[in-house]
């Protein structure tokens, strides 16, 4: 068995000139919708400080959705403004800006989407109802289950 890690070719566009703010990882440095992209595909932004989770999410959902990913809350907000996702999957625990702070910042900036929090914490420890006014539509435990995510996106959950 080959023990080398899997690698994926990606283009990386810095959110700011290689500052500590992280990266936006999408199909091209300047996001523009592909002309052949079906209009009925949901647009999902995934924001997580763990690049493995982001690449896994992109691999899982890439055939069913337009997926953009960001490694920090600040980069995610910048991408949310240009990508205009239908849904944002955001990690609850990130340095500098957690998922709840991200949702609040998005609302203050006038950015709207359905938010799904991704967490490794015990689900009972979080105040889900308190986050509903910010646009929270669901929550998922890590590791991400693409089928459960799509159930939320398609309104089946």
Protein backbone atom coordinates (compact mmCIF):
# COMPACT_ATOMS: atom_id res chain seq x y z
CA UNK A 1 0.00 0.00 0.00
CA UNK A 2 1.30 3.43 -0.96
CA UNK A 3 1.69 5.59 2.17
CA UNK A 4 2.05 8.91 0.35
CA UNK A 5 -0.73 11.43 1.05
CA UNK A 6 -3.28 12.24 -1.63
CA UNK A 7 -2.76 15.57 -3.32
CA UNK A 8 -5.24 17.74 -5.18
CA UNK A 9 -4.36 20.44 -7.72
CA UNK A 10 -5.84 23.76 -6.59
CA UNK A 11 -5.32 27.43 -7.27
CA UNK A 12 -4.86 29.64 -4.24
CA UNK A 13 -5.83 33.28 -4.16
CA UNK A 14 -4.69 35.20 -1.09
CA UNK A 15 -7.43 37.15 0.66
CA UNK A 16 -4.91 39.89 1.33
CA UNK A 17 -1.23 39.96 0.35
CA UNK A 18 -0.21 36.82 2.27
CA UNK A 19 -1.09 38.35 5.62
CA UNK A 20 -2.08 36.14 8.53
CA UNK A 21 -5.68 36.28 7.32
CA UNK A 22 -5.58 32.98 5.48
CA UNK A 23 -6.46 32.05 1.93
CA UNK A 24 -9.43 31.78 -0.33
CA UNK A 25 -9.29 28.60 -2.36
CA UNK A 26 -11.49 28.47 -5.41
CA UNK A 27 -11.34 27.44 -9.03
CA UNK A 28 -9.63 30.64 -10.14
CA UNK A 29 -7.96 33.57 -8.37
CA UNK A 30 -10.82 35.88 -9.43
CA UNK A 31 -14.09 34.01 -9.03
CA UNK A 32 -16.49 34.20 -11.94
CA UNK A 33 -19.29 31.72 -12.59
CA UNK A 34 -18.46 29.17 -15.26
CA UNK A 35 -20.77 29.63 -18.26
CA UNK A 36 -21.51 25.89 -18.37
CA UNK A 37 -22.46 25.76 -14.68
CA UNK A 38 -26.07 24.73 -14.17
CA UNK A 39 -28.07 27.49 -12.54
CA UNK A 40 -29.86 25.02 -10.28
CA UNK A 41 -26.68 23.90 -8.50
CA UNK A 42 -26.55 25.32 -4.98
CA UNK A 43 -23.58 27.56 -4.20
CA UNK A 44 -21.86 26.57 -0.97
CA UNK A 45 -19.09 28.40 0.85
CA UNK A 46 -17.17 26.37 3.42
CA UNK A 47 -15.13 28.26 6.03
CA UNK A 48 -12.82 26.23 8.27
CA UNK A 49 -9.31 26.69 9.59
CA UNK A 50 -8.54 23.03 8.83
CA UNK A 51 -7.58 22.78 5.14
CA UNK A 52 -8.13 19.01 5.22
CA UNK A 53 -11.81 19.60 6.05
CA UNK A 54 -12.04 22.15 3.25
CA UNK A 55 -10.49 19.90 0.62
CA UNK A 56 -12.65 16.98 1.80
CA UNK A 57 -15.76 19.17 1.53
CA UNK A 58 -14.78 20.33 -1.93
CA UNK A 59 -14.16 16.74 -3.06
CA UNK A 60 -17.47 15.51 -1.56
CA UNK A 61 -19.68 18.27 -2.91
CA UNK A 62 -17.91 19.45 -6.05
CA UNK A 63 -20.09 17.39 -8.39
CA UNK A 64 -23.37 18.47 -6.75
CA UNK A 65 -22.67 22.11 -5.92
CA UNK A 66 -20.53 25.09 -6.75
CA UNK A 67 -18.11 25.08 -3.83
CA UNK A 68 -15.80 27.83 -2.61
CA UNK A 69 -13.65 27.48 0.48
CA UNK A 70 -11.82 29.86 2.82
CA UNK A 71 -9.39 29.20 5.68
CA UNK A 72 -10.41 32.09 7.97
CA UNK A 73 -13.50 34.02 8.88
CA UNK A 74 -12.10 37.23 7.34
CA UNK A 75 -11.31 35.47 4.05
CA UNK A 76 -14.74 33.82 4.17
CA UNK A 77 -16.53 37.17 4.54
CA UNK A 78 -14.58 38.60 1.62
CA UNK A 79 -15.45 35.60 -0.53
CA UNK A 80 -19.07 35.60 0.65
CA UNK A 81 -19.43 39.15 -0.69
CA UNK A 82 -18.28 38.17 -4.20
CA UNK A 83 -19.38 34.51 -4.47
CA UNK A 84 -22.87 35.15 -3.01
CA UNK A 85 -23.46 31.59 -1.77
CA UNK A 86 -26.84 30.09 -1.04
CA UNK A 87 -25.35 28.26 1.93
CA UNK A 88 -22.35 28.77 4.21
CA UNK A 89 -20.90 25.84 6.15
CA UNK A 90 -18.77 27.40 8.86
CA UNK A 91 -16.67 25.79 11.58
CA UNK A 92 -17.90 26.75 15.02
CA UNK A 93 -14.40 26.84 16.56
CA UNK A 94 -11.83 28.86 14.62
CA UNK A 95 -9.10 31.19 15.84
CA UNK A 96 -9.73 34.95 15.55
CA UNK A 97 -13.41 34.58 14.49
CA UNK A 98 -15.63 31.67 15.48
CA UNK A 99 -18.71 30.54 13.57
CA UNK A 100 -21.15 32.66 15.61
CA UNK A 101 -18.97 35.77 15.16
CA UNK A 102 -18.76 35.01 11.43
CA UNK A 103 -22.55 34.82 11.16
CA UNK A 104 -22.95 38.10 13.09
CA UNK A 105 -20.34 39.87 10.91
CA UNK A 106 -22.05 38.63 7.74
CA UNK A 107 -25.41 39.93 8.97
CA UNK A 108 -23.87 43.31 9.88
CA UNK A 109 -22.38 43.50 6.37
CA UNK A 110 -25.80 42.77 4.83
CA UNK A 111 -24.67 39.38 3.52
CA UNK A 112 -27.35 36.70 3.56
CA UNK A 113 -27.23 32.92 3.21
CA UNK A 114 -28.39 29.87 5.08
CA UNK A 115 -25.76 29.00 7.68
CA UNK A 116 -24.81 25.50 8.76
CA UNK A 117 -22.43 25.21 11.69
CA UNK A 118 -19.87 22.43 11.61
CA UNK A 119 -18.55 21.37 14.99
CA UNK A 120 -16.48 18.76 16.73
CA UNK A 121 -18.08 19.73 20.06
CA UNK A 122 -20.87 17.88 21.76
CA UNK A 123 -24.05 19.17 20.10
CA UNK A 124 -25.79 19.67 23.47
CA UNK A 125 -23.17 22.23 24.56
CA UNK A 126 -24.18 24.88 22.02
CA UNK A 127 -27.07 27.38 22.00
CA UNK A 128 -28.54 26.63 18.58
CA UNK A 129 -31.76 28.59 19.12
CA UNK A 130 -29.81 31.73 20.02
CA UNK A 131 -28.13 31.59 16.61
CA UNK A 132 -31.32 31.22 14.55
CA UNK A 133 -31.84 35.02 14.18
CA UNK A 134 -28.43 35.15 12.46
CA UNK A 135 -29.56 32.70 9.78
CA UNK A 136 -28.61 29.35 11.31
CA UNK A 137 -30.48 26.62 9.43
CA UNK A 138 -28.70 23.56 10.78
CA UNK A 139 -25.65 22.06 12.39
CA UNK A 140 -23.49 19.04 11.67
CA UNK A 141 -20.88 17.16 13.64
CA UNK A 142 -17.43 16.59 12.23
CA UNK A 143 -16.51 14.70 10.17
CA UNK A 144 -18.81 16.21 7.56
CA UNK A 145 -21.43 13.90 6.09
CA UNK A 146 -22.23 15.10 2.55
CA UNK A 147 -25.63 13.38 2.47
CA UNK A 148 -26.76 15.07 5.71
CA UNK A 149 -25.50 18.41 4.42
CA UNK A 150 -27.43 17.98 1.17
CA UNK A 151 -30.58 17.08 3.17
CA UNK A 152 -30.36 20.50 4.88
CA UNK A 153 -29.58 22.29 1.60
CA UNK A 154 -32.49 20.58 -0.18
CA UNK A 155 -34.89 21.26 2.74
CA UNK A 156 -35.31 17.60 3.70
CA UNK A 157 -34.02 18.03 7.24
